[in-house]
C-alpha cells in the first residue's frame, strides 16, 4: 500500500502547480492528496491531512496560511513533512528512514 502524501501549496498556486506535484508524487509511488481539489474548504483540507502519511512542501508553501496550519498540525500529529527531494530519497530507499 502506497503512502498518501498531502500537498502543501503556496497561497497563489496555479492549478498546473498542484497537478505537477500530483504527477511527481505518483511517479515516486505515492498517492497524492491535493487540497486544491477541495477549493477553499479548509475543514475538508484538514480532514484530508489527518488521513495522510506525510506532507509535501512545494515551493512557496509558507505564503499560504492554510499550508502553514497544515504543517503545524502535521508536526503535532507526528506526520512527516518534507520537500520533494526528501520524499524522493525516501522512496528510493523503499520508505526506510
PDB file of N, CA and C in Angstrom:
ATOM      1  N   UNK A   1       0.838  -1.185   0.000  1.00  0.00           N
ATOM      2  CA  UNK A   1       0.000   0.000   0.000  1.00  0.00           C
ATOM      3  C   UNK A   1       0.881   1.245   0.000  1.00  0.00           C
ATOM      4  N   UNK A   2       0.586   2.181  -0.906  1.00  0.00           N
ATOM      5  CA  UNK A   2       1.414   3.371  -1.013  1.00  0.00           C
ATOM      6  C   UNK A   2       1.048   4.392   0.061  1.00  0.00           C
ATOM      7  N   UNK A   3       2.022   5.217   0.382  1.00  0.00           N
ATOM      8  CA  UNK A   3       1.787   6.270   1.364  1.00  0.00           C
ATOM      9  C   UNK A   3       1.031   7.415   0.711  1.00  0.00           C
ATOM     10  N   UNK A   4       0.093   7.967   1.446  1.00  0.00           N
ATOM     11  CA  UNK A   4      -0.696   9.098   0.965  1.00  0.00           C
ATOM     12  C   UNK A   4      -0.022  10.380   1.442  1.00  0.00           C
ATOM     13  N   UNK A   5       0.287  11.273   0.501  1.00  0.00           N
ATOM     14  CA  UNK A   5       1.028  12.490   0.809  1.00  0.00           C
ATOM     15  C   UNK A   5       0.183  13.727   0.494  1.00  0.00           C
ATOM     16  N   UNK A   6      -0.017  14.561   1.512  1.00  0.00           N
ATOM     17  CA  UNK A   6      -0.747  15.829   1.387  1.00  0.00           C
ATOM     18  C   UNK A   6       0.177  16.859   0.750  1.00  0.00           C
ATOM     19  N   UNK A   7      -0.334  17.628  -0.198  1.00  0.00           N
ATOM     20  CA  UNK A   7       0.471  18.625  -0.902  1.00  0.00           C
ATOM     21  C   UNK A   7       0.222  20.006  -0.293  1.00  0.00           C
ATOM     22  N   UNK A   8       1.248  20.571   0.355  1.00  0.00           N
ATOM     23  CA  UNK A   8       1.159  21.927   0.914  1.00  0.00           C
ATOM     24  C   UNK A   8       1.515  22.911  -0.199  1.00  0.00           C
ATOM     25  N   UNK A   9       0.520  23.660  -0.648  1.00  0.00           N
ATOM     26  CA  UNK A   9       0.669  24.562  -1.790  1.00  0.00           C
ATOM     27  C   UNK A   9       0.849  26.011  -1.350  1.00  0.00           C
ATOM     28  N   UNK A  10       1.476  26.844  -2.216  1.00  0.00           N
ATOM     29  CA  UNK A  10       1.556  28.268  -1.914  1.00  0.00           C
ATOM     30  C   UNK A  10       0.185  28.931  -2.007  1.00  0.00           C
ATOM     31  N   UNK A  11       0.070  30.099  -1.448  1.00  0.00           N
ATOM     32  CA  UNK A  11      -1.211  30.814  -1.419  1.00  0.00           C
ATOM     33  C   UNK A  11      -1.766  31.025  -2.828  1.00  0.00           C
ATOM     34  N   UNK A  12      -0.963  31.514  -3.730  1.00  0.00           N
ATOM     35  CA  UNK A  12      -1.424  31.823  -5.089  1.00  0.00           C
ATOM     36  C   UNK A  12      -0.915  30.776  -6.073  1.00  0.00           C
ATOM     37  N   UNK A  13      -1.225  29.532  -5.806  1.00  0.00           N
ATOM     38  CA  UNK A  13      -0.761  28.453  -6.675  1.00  0.00           C
ATOM     39  C   UNK A  13      -1.544  28.446  -7.982  1.00  0.00           C
ATOM     40  N   UNK A  14      -0.906  27.911  -9.010  1.00  0.00           N
ATOM     41  CA  UNK A  14      -1.601  27.664 -10.272  1.00  0.00           C
ATOM     42  C   UNK A  14      -2.049  26.205 -10.266  1.00  0.00           C
ATOM     43  N   UNK A  15      -3.178  25.928 -10.876  1.00  0.00           N
ATOM     44  CA  UNK A  15      -3.664  24.533 -10.935  1.00  0.00           C
ATOM     45  C   UNK A  15      -2.580  23.632 -11.512  1.00  0.00           C
ATOM     46  N   UNK A  16      -1.810  24.159 -12.477  1.00  0.00           N
ATOM     47  CA  UNK A  16      -0.744  23.363 -13.083  1.00  0.00           C
ATOM     48  C   UNK A  16       0.286  22.942 -12.034  1.00  0.00           C
ATOM     49  N   UNK A  17       0.535  23.822 -11.065  1.00  0.00           N
ATOM     50  CA  UNK A  17       1.482  23.507  -9.994  1.00  0.00           C
ATOM     51  C   UNK A  17       0.980  22.338  -9.164  1.00  0.00           C
ATOM     52  N   UNK A  18      -0.287  22.359  -8.826  1.00  0.00           N
ATOM     53  CA  UNK A  18      -0.820  21.274  -7.999  1.00  0.00           C
ATOM     54  C   UNK A  18      -0.847  19.965  -8.775  1.00  0.00           C
ATOM     55  N   UNK A  19      -1.165  20.037 -10.076  1.00  0.00           N
ATOM     56  CA  UNK A  19      -1.171  18.816 -10.886  1.00  0.00           C
ATOM     57  C   UNK A  19       0.245  18.278 -11.085  1.00  0.00           C
ATOM     58  N   UNK A  20       1.216  19.181 -11.249  1.00  0.00           N
ATOM     59  CA  UNK A  20       2.607  18.746 -11.399  1.00  0.00           C
ATOM     60  C   UNK A  20       3.082  18.045 -10.128  1.00  0.00           C
ATOM     61  N   UNK A  21       2.693  18.576  -8.972  1.00  0.00           N
ATOM     62  CA  UNK A  21       3.062  17.936  -7.703  1.00  0.00           C
ATOM     63  C   UNK A  21       2.403  16.566  -7.592  1.00  0.00           C
ATOM     64  N   UNK A  22       1.143  16.461  -8.005  1.00  0.00           N
ATOM     65  CA  UNK A  22       0.454  15.165  -8.006  1.00  0.00           C
ATOM     66  C   UNK A  22       1.199  14.164  -8.878  1.00  0.00           C
ATOM     67  N   UNK A  23       1.538  14.586 -10.098  1.00  0.00           N
ATOM     68  CA  UNK A  23       2.237  13.695 -11.033  1.00  0.00           C
ATOM     69  C   UNK A  23       3.582  13.253 -10.476  1.00  0.00           C
ATOM     70  N   UNK A  24       4.318  14.191  -9.873  1.00  0.00           N
ATOM     71  CA  UNK A  24       5.634  13.861  -9.322  1.00  0.00           C
ATOM     72  C   UNK A  24       5.516  12.840  -8.196  1.00  0.00           C
ATOM     73  N   UNK A  25       4.550  13.020  -7.311  1.00  0.00           N
ATOM     74  CA  UNK A  25       4.354  12.064  -6.212  1.00  0.00           C
ATOM     75  C   UNK A  25       3.938  10.694  -6.738  1.00  0.00           C
ATOM     76  N   UNK A  26       3.067  10.686  -7.733  1.00  0.00           N
ATOM     77  CA  UNK A  26       2.614   9.421  -8.314  1.00  0.00           C
ATOM     78  C   UNK A  26       3.783   8.662  -8.925  1.00  0.00           C
ATOM     79  N   UNK A  27       4.663   9.369  -9.633  1.00  0.00           N
ATOM     80  CA  UNK A  27       5.833   8.725 -10.237  1.00  0.00           C
ATOM     81  C   UNK A  27       6.760   8.123  -9.186  1.00  0.00           C
ATOM     82  N   UNK A  28       6.757   8.698  -7.986  1.00  0.00           N
ATOM     83  CA  UNK A  28       7.580   8.161  -6.894  1.00  0.00           C
ATOM     84  C   UNK A  28       6.896   6.992  -6.183  1.00  0.00           C
ATOM     85  N   UNK A  29       5.644   6.722  -6.541  1.00  0.00           N
ATOM     86  CA  UNK A  29       4.917   5.617  -5.923  1.00  0.00           C
ATOM     87  C   UNK A  29       4.023   6.020  -4.767  1.00  0.00           C
ATOM     88  N   UNK A  30       3.852   7.324  -4.570  1.00  0.00           N
ATOM     89  CA  UNK A  30       2.984   7.818  -3.510  1.00  0.00           C
ATOM     90  C   UNK A  30       1.582   8.094  -4.055  1.00  0.00           C
ATOM     91  N   UNK A  31       0.614   8.159  -3.156  1.00  0.00           N
ATOM     92  CA  UNK A  31      -0.748   8.559  -3.512  1.00  0.00           C
ATOM     93  C   UNK A  31      -0.910  10.020  -3.104  1.00  0.00           C
ATOM     94  N   UNK A  32      -1.035  10.940  -4.062  1.00  0.00           N
ATOM     95  CA  UNK A  32      -1.157  12.352  -3.711  1.00  0.00           C
ATOM     96  C   UNK A  32      -2.530  12.704  -3.153  1.00  0.00           C
ATOM     97  N   UNK A  33      -2.537  13.601  -2.175  1.00  0.00           N
ATOM     98  CA  UNK A  33      -3.770  14.171  -1.626  1.00  0.00           C
ATOM     99  C   UNK A  33      -3.681  15.670  -1.877  1.00  0.00           C
ATOM    100  N   UNK A  34      -4.449  16.150  -2.842  1.00  0.00           N
ATOM    101  CA  UNK A  34      -4.340  17.528  -3.294  1.00  0.00           C
ATOM    102  C   UNK A  34      -5.448  18.395  -2.691  1.00  0.00           C
ATOM    103  N   UNK A  35      -5.090  19.319  -1.783  1.00  0.00           N
ATOM    104  CA  UNK A  35      -6.110  20.172  -1.175  1.00  0.00           C
ATOM    105  C   UNK A  35      -6.785  21.090  -2.189  1.00  0.00           C
ATOM    106  N   UNK A  36      -6.157  21.309  -3.333  1.00  0.00           N
ATOM    107  CA  UNK A  36      -6.779  22.140  -4.368  1.00  0.00           C
ATOM    108  C   UNK A  36      -8.080  21.513  -4.857  1.00  0.00           C
ATOM    109  N   UNK A  37      -8.209  20.211  -4.700  1.00  0.00           N
ATOM    110  CA  UNK A  37      -9.443  19.534  -5.102  1.00  0.00           C
ATOM    111  C   UNK A  37     -10.632  19.951  -4.239  1.00  0.00           C
ATOM    112  N   UNK A  38     -10.351  20.463  -3.041  1.00  0.00           N
ATOM    113  CA  UNK A  38     -11.413  20.900  -2.129  1.00  0.00           C
ATOM    114  C   UNK A  38     -11.694  22.393  -2.230  1.00  0.00           C
ATOM    115  N   UNK A  39     -11.008  23.078  -3.110  1.00  0.00           N
ATOM    116  CA  UNK A  39     -11.193  24.526  -3.227  1.00  0.00           C
ATOM    117  C   UNK A  39     -10.752  25.219  -1.950  1.00  0.00           C
ATOM    118  N   UNK A  40     -11.620  26.032  -1.397  1.00  0.00           N
ATOM    119  CA  UNK A  40     -11.270  26.790  -0.190  1.00  0.00           C
ATOM    120  C   UNK A  40     -11.871  26.179   1.071  1.00  0.00           C
ATOM    121  N   UNK A  41     -12.235  24.926   1.015  1.00  0.00           N
ATOM    122  CA  UNK A  41     -12.844  24.262   2.168  1.00  0.00           C
ATOM    123  C   UNK A  41     -11.747  23.799   3.131  1.00  0.00           C
ATOM    124  N   UNK A  42     -11.370  24.686   4.040  1.00  0.00           N
ATOM    125  CA  UNK A  42     -10.272  24.400   4.958  1.00  0.00           C
ATOM    126  C   UNK A  42     -10.560  23.211   5.869  1.00  0.00           C
ATOM    127  N   UNK A  43     -11.788  23.038   6.290  1.00  0.00           N
ATOM    128  CA  UNK A  43     -12.125  21.888   7.142  1.00  0.00           C
ATOM    129  C   UNK A  43     -11.896  20.584   6.396  1.00  0.00           C
ATOM    130  N   UNK A  44     -12.312  20.547   5.138  1.00  0.00           N
ATOM    131  CA  UNK A  44     -12.099  19.341   4.333  1.00  0.00           C
ATOM    132  C   UNK A  44     -10.609  19.091   4.130  1.00  0.00           C
ATOM    133  N   UNK A  45      -9.843  20.165   3.957  1.00  0.00           N
ATOM    134  CA  UNK A  45      -8.400  20.010   3.780  1.00  0.00           C
ATOM    135  C   UNK A  45      -7.733  19.468   5.040  1.00  0.00           C
ATOM    136  N   UNK A  46      -8.139  19.962   6.206  1.00  0.00           N
ATOM    137  CA  UNK A  46      -7.568  19.442   7.455  1.00  0.00           C
ATOM    138  C   UNK A  46      -7.965  17.989   7.678  1.00  0.00           C
ATOM    139  N   UNK A  47      -9.181  17.652   7.335  1.00  0.00           N
ATOM    140  CA  UNK A  47      -9.625  16.258   7.431  1.00  0.00           C
ATOM    141  C   UNK A  47      -8.774  15.388   6.508  1.00  0.00           C
ATOM    142  N   UNK A  48      -8.554  15.869   5.281  1.00  0.00           N
ATOM    143  CA  UNK A  48      -7.716  15.148   4.326  1.00  0.00           C
ATOM    144  C   UNK A  48      -6.316  14.942   4.900  1.00  0.00           C
ATOM    145  N   UNK A  49      -5.762  15.994   5.482  1.00  0.00           N
ATOM    146  CA  UNK A  49      -4.415  15.923   6.059  1.00  0.00           C
ATOM    147  C   UNK A  49      -4.306  14.825   7.113  1.00  0.00           C
ATOM    148  N   UNK A  50      -5.299  14.726   7.983  1.00  0.00           N
ATOM    149  CA  UNK A  50      -5.218  13.748   9.077  1.00  0.00           C
ATOM    150  C   UNK A  50      -5.264  12.310   8.580  1.00  0.00           C
ATOM    151  N   UNK A  51      -5.654  12.119   7.334  1.00  0.00           N
ATOM    152  CA  UNK A  51      -5.703  10.784   6.748  1.00  0.00           C
ATOM    153  C   UNK A  51      -4.468  10.480   5.907  1.00  0.00           C
ATOM    154  N   UNK A  52      -3.477  11.360   5.977  1.00  0.00           N
ATOM    155  CA  UNK A  52      -2.270  11.205   5.164  1.00  0.00           C
ATOM    156  C   UNK A  52      -1.094  10.698   5.993  1.00  0.00           C
ATOM    157  N   UNK A  53      -0.107  10.184   5.270  1.00  0.00           N
ATOM    158  CA  UNK A  53       1.103   9.643   5.894  1.00  0.00           C
ATOM    159  C   UNK A  53       2.262  10.624   5.853  1.00  0.00           C
ATOM    160  N   UNK A  54       2.086  11.750   5.171  1.00  0.00           N
ATOM    161  CA  UNK A  54       3.149  12.728   5.054  1.00  0.00           C
ATOM    162  C   UNK A  54       2.655  13.984   4.368  1.00  0.00           C
ATOM    163  N   UNK A  55       3.521  14.999   4.361  1.00  0.00           N
ATOM    164  CA  UNK A  55       3.209  16.285   3.727  1.00  0.00           C
ATOM    165  C   UNK A  55       4.356  16.667   2.806  1.00  0.00           C
ATOM    166  N   UNK A  56       4.009  17.026   1.567  1.00  0.00           N
ATOM    167  CA  UNK A  56       4.983  17.539   0.608  1.00  0.00           C
ATOM    168  C   UNK A  56       4.966  19.056   0.668  1.00  0.00           C
ATOM    169  N   UNK A  57       6.136  19.664   0.898  1.00  0.00           N
ATOM    170  CA  UNK A  57       6.267  21.118   0.906  1.00  0.00           C
ATOM    171  C   UNK A  57       6.622  21.578  -0.502  1.00  0.00           C
ATOM    172  N   UNK A  58       5.703  22.253  -1.185  1.00  0.00           N
ATOM    173  CA  UNK A  58       6.005  22.789  -2.508  1.00  0.00           C
ATOM    174  C   UNK A  58       6.621  24.173  -2.345  1.00  0.00           C
ATOM    175  N   UNK A  59       7.388  24.645  -3.336  1.00  0.00           N
ATOM    176  CA  UNK A  59       7.994  25.970  -3.225  1.00  0.00           C
ATOM    177  C   UNK A  59       6.941  27.048  -2.955  1.00  0.00           C
ATOM    178  N   UNK A  60       7.199  27.867  -1.949  1.00  0.00           N
ATOM    179  CA  UNK A  60       6.298  28.952  -1.593  1.00  0.00           C
ATOM    180  C   UNK A  60       5.170  28.564  -0.656  1.00  0.00           C
ATOM    181  N   UNK A  61       5.181  27.333  -0.152  1.00  0.00           N
ATOM    182  CA  UNK A  61       4.090  26.867   0.714  1.00  0.00           C
ATOM    183  C   UNK A  61       3.870  27.789   1.904  1.00  0.00           C
ATOM    184  N   UNK A  62       4.958  28.404   2.381  1.00  0.00           N
ATOM    185  CA  UNK A  62       4.849  29.214   3.595  1.00  0.00           C
ATOM    186  C   UNK A  62       4.070  30.510   3.372  1.00  0.00           C
ATOM    187  N   UNK A  63       3.730  30.835   2.116  1.00  0.00           N
ATOM    188  CA  UNK A  63       2.913  32.025   1.841  1.00  0.00           C
ATOM    189  C   UNK A  63       1.426  31.756   2.055  1.00  0.00           C
ATOM    190  N   UNK A  64       1.067  30.506   2.258  1.00  0.00           N
ATOM    191  CA  UNK A  64      -0.334  30.140   2.433  1.00  0.00           C
ATOM    192  C   UNK A  64      -0.660  29.928   3.906  1.00  0.00           C
ATOM    193  N   UNK A  65      -1.588  30.698   4.455  1.00  0.00           N
ATOM    194  CA  UNK A  65      -1.982  30.475   5.846  1.00  0.00           C
ATOM    195  C   UNK A  65      -2.465  29.042   6.083  1.00  0.00           C
ATOM    196  N   UNK A  66      -3.218  28.490   5.136  1.00  0.00           N
ATOM    197  CA  UNK A  66      -3.720  27.125   5.317  1.00  0.00           C
ATOM    198  C   UNK A  66      -2.585  26.111   5.301  1.00  0.00           C
ATOM    199  N   UNK A  67      -1.595  26.305   4.428  1.00  0.00           N
ATOM    200  CA  UNK A  67      -0.466  25.376   4.399  1.00  0.00           C
ATOM    201  C   UNK A  67       0.353  25.459   5.680  1.00  0.00           C
ATOM    202  N   UNK A  68       0.521  26.673   6.237  1.00  0.00           N
ATOM    203  CA  UNK A  68       1.275  26.771   7.491  1.00  0.00           C
ATOM    204  C   UNK A  68       0.516  26.095   8.630  1.00  0.00           C
ATOM    205  N   UNK A  69      -0.810  26.207   8.623  1.00  0.00           N
ATOM    206  CA  UNK A  69      -1.614  25.492   9.624  1.00  0.00           C
ATOM    207  C   UNK A  69      -1.476  23.988   9.419  1.00  0.00           C
ATOM    208  N   UNK A  70      -1.559  23.547   8.171  1.00  0.00           N
ATOM    209  CA  UNK A  70      -1.457  22.114   7.871  1.00  0.00           C
ATOM    210  C   UNK A  70      -0.117  21.546   8.329  1.00  0.00           C
ATOM    211  N   UNK A  71       0.961  22.284   8.092  1.00  0.00           N
ATOM    212  CA  UNK A  71       2.288  21.812   8.505  1.00  0.00           C
ATOM    213  C   UNK A  71       2.376  21.757  10.030  1.00  0.00           C
ATOM    214  N   UNK A  72       1.845  22.760  10.711  1.00  0.00           N
ATOM    215  CA  UNK A  72       1.844  22.759  12.177  1.00  0.00           C
ATOM    216  C   UNK A  72       1.065  21.568  12.723  1.00  0.00           C
ATOM    217  N   UNK A  73      -0.119  21.324  12.166  1.00  0.00           N
ATOM    218  CA  UNK A  73      -0.937  20.182  12.599  1.00  0.00           C
ATOM    219  C   UNK A  73      -0.209  18.872  12.311  1.00  0.00           C
ATOM    220  N   UNK A  74       0.378  18.765  11.127  1.00  0.00           N
ATOM    221  CA  UNK A  74       1.100  17.539  10.768  1.00  0.00           C
ATOM    222  C   UNK A  74       2.228  17.264  11.759  1.00  0.00           C
ATOM    223  N   UNK A  75       3.004  18.276  12.072  1.00  0.00           N
ATOM    224  CA  UNK A  75       4.107  18.091  13.028  1.00  0.00           C
ATOM    225  C   UNK A  75       3.575  17.688  14.396  1.00  0.00           C
ATOM    226  N   UNK A  76       2.477  18.291  14.816  1.00  0.00           N
ATOM    227  CA  UNK A  76       1.869  17.953  16.107  1.00  0.00           C
ATOM    228  C   UNK A  76       1.399  16.496  16.129  1.00  0.00           C
ATOM    229  N   UNK A  77       0.922  16.009  14.987  1.00  0.00           N
ATOM    230  CA  UNK A  77       0.431  14.631  14.887  1.00  0.00           C
ATOM    231  C   UNK A  77       1.520  13.639  14.476  1.00  0.00           C
ATOM    232  N   UNK A  78       2.767  14.117  14.443  1.00  0.00           N
ATOM    233  CA  UNK A  78       3.908  13.282  14.041  1.00  0.00           C
ATOM    234  C   UNK A  78       3.762  12.725  12.628  1.00  0.00           C
ATOM    235  N   UNK A  79       3.179  13.525  11.738  1.00  0.00           N
ATOM    236  CA  UNK A  79       3.104  13.184  10.320  1.00  0.00           C
ATOM    237  C   UNK A  79       4.342  13.799   9.668  1.00  0.00           C
ATOM    238  N   UNK A  80       5.180  12.994   9.016  1.00  0.00           N
ATOM    239  CA  UNK A  80       6.404  13.526   8.415  1.00  0.00           C
ATOM    240  C   UNK A  80       6.129  14.624   7.386  1.00  0.00           C
ATOM    241  N   UNK A  81       6.997  15.623   7.381  1.00  0.00           N
ATOM    242  CA  UNK A  81       6.899  16.765   6.477  1.00  0.00           C
ATOM    243  C   UNK A  81       8.222  16.866   5.734  1.00  0.00           C
ATOM    244  N   UNK A  82       8.169  17.032   4.403  1.00  0.00           N
ATOM    245  CA  UNK A  82       9.417  17.133   3.660  1.00  0.00           C
ATOM    246  C   UNK A  82       9.249  17.723   2.274  1.00  0.00           C
ATOM    247  N   UNK A  83      10.383  18.049   1.680  1.00  0.00           N
ATOM    248  CA  UNK A  83      10.417  18.574   0.318  1.00  0.00           C
ATOM    249  C   UNK A  83      10.346  17.417  -0.672  1.00  0.00           C
ATOM    250  N   UNK A  84      10.239  17.755  -1.942  1.00  0.00           N
ATOM    251  CA  UNK A  84      10.222  16.724  -2.980  1.00  0.00           C
ATOM    252  C   UNK A  84      11.492  15.878  -2.904  1.00  0.00           C
ATOM    253  N   UNK A  85      12.642  16.524  -2.751  1.00  0.00           N
ATOM    254  CA  UNK A  85      13.903  15.775  -2.686  1.00  0.00           C
ATOM    255  C   UNK A  85      13.910  14.790  -1.516  1.00  0.00           C
ATOM    256  N   UNK A  86      13.364  15.186  -0.391  1.00  0.00           N
ATOM    257  CA  UNK A  86      13.319  14.287   0.767  1.00  0.00           C
ATOM    258  C   UNK A  86      12.380  13.110   0.523  1.00  0.00           C
ATOM    259  N   UNK A  87      11.203  13.360  -0.078  1.00  0.00           N
ATOM    260  CA  UNK A  87      10.276  12.262  -0.374  1.00  0.00           C
ATOM    261  C   UNK A  87      10.844  11.356  -1.461  1.00  0.00           C
ATOM    262  N   UNK A  88      11.578  11.947  -2.406  1.00  0.00           N
ATOM    263  CA  UNK A  88      12.209  11.155  -3.463  1.00  0.00           C
ATOM    264  C   UNK A  88      13.270  10.227  -2.880  1.00  0.00           C
ATOM    265  N   UNK A  89      14.097  10.760  -1.981  1.00  0.00           N
ATOM    266  CA  UNK A  89      15.130   9.941  -1.339  1.00  0.00           C
ATOM    267  C   UNK A  89      14.503   8.827  -0.517  1.00  0.00           C
ATOM    268  N   UNK A  90      13.419   9.117   0.168  1.00  0.00           N
ATOM    269  CA  UNK A  90      12.732   8.109   0.969  1.00  0.00           C
ATOM    270  C   UNK A  90      12.168   7.009   0.074  1.00  0.00           C
ATOM    271  N   UNK A  91      11.600   7.394  -1.061  1.00  0.00           N
ATOM    272  CA  UNK A  91      11.054   6.403  -1.999  1.00  0.00           C
ATOM    273  C   UNK A  91      12.170   5.519  -2.552  1.00  0.00           C
ATOM    274  N   UNK A  92      13.339   6.106  -2.783  1.00  0.00           N
ATOM    275  CA  UNK A  92      14.467   5.354  -3.334  1.00  0.00           C
ATOM    276  C   UNK A  92      14.982   4.303  -2.362  1.00  0.00           C
ATOM    277  N   UNK A  93      14.765   4.519  -1.076  1.00  0.00           N
ATOM    278  CA  UNK A  93      15.225   3.551  -0.075  1.00  0.00           C
ATOM    279  C   UNK A  93      14.118   2.584   0.317  1.00  0.00           C
ATOM    280  N   UNK A  94      13.021   2.634  -0.406  1.00  0.00           N
ATOM    281  CA  UNK A  94      11.905   1.746  -0.087  1.00  0.00           C
ATOM    282  C   UNK A  94      11.095   2.218   1.099  1.00  0.00           C
ATOM    283  N   UNK A  95      11.200   3.510   1.418  1.00  0.00           N
ATOM    284  CA  UNK A  95      10.403   4.067   2.506  1.00  0.00           C
ATOM    285  C   UNK A  95      11.059   3.985   3.866  1.00  0.00           C
ATOM    286  N   UNK A  96      12.305   3.565   3.916  1.00  0.00           N
ATOM    287  CA  UNK A  96      13.006   3.462   5.199  1.00  0.00           C
ATOM    288  C   UNK A  96      13.724   4.766   5.503  1.00  0.00           C
ATOM    289  N   UNK A  97      13.589   5.242   6.721  1.00  0.00           N
ATOM    290  CA  UNK A  97      14.270   6.480   7.137  1.00  0.00           C
ATOM    291  C   UNK A  97      15.650   6.186   7.661  1.00  0.00           C
TER     292      UNK A  97
END
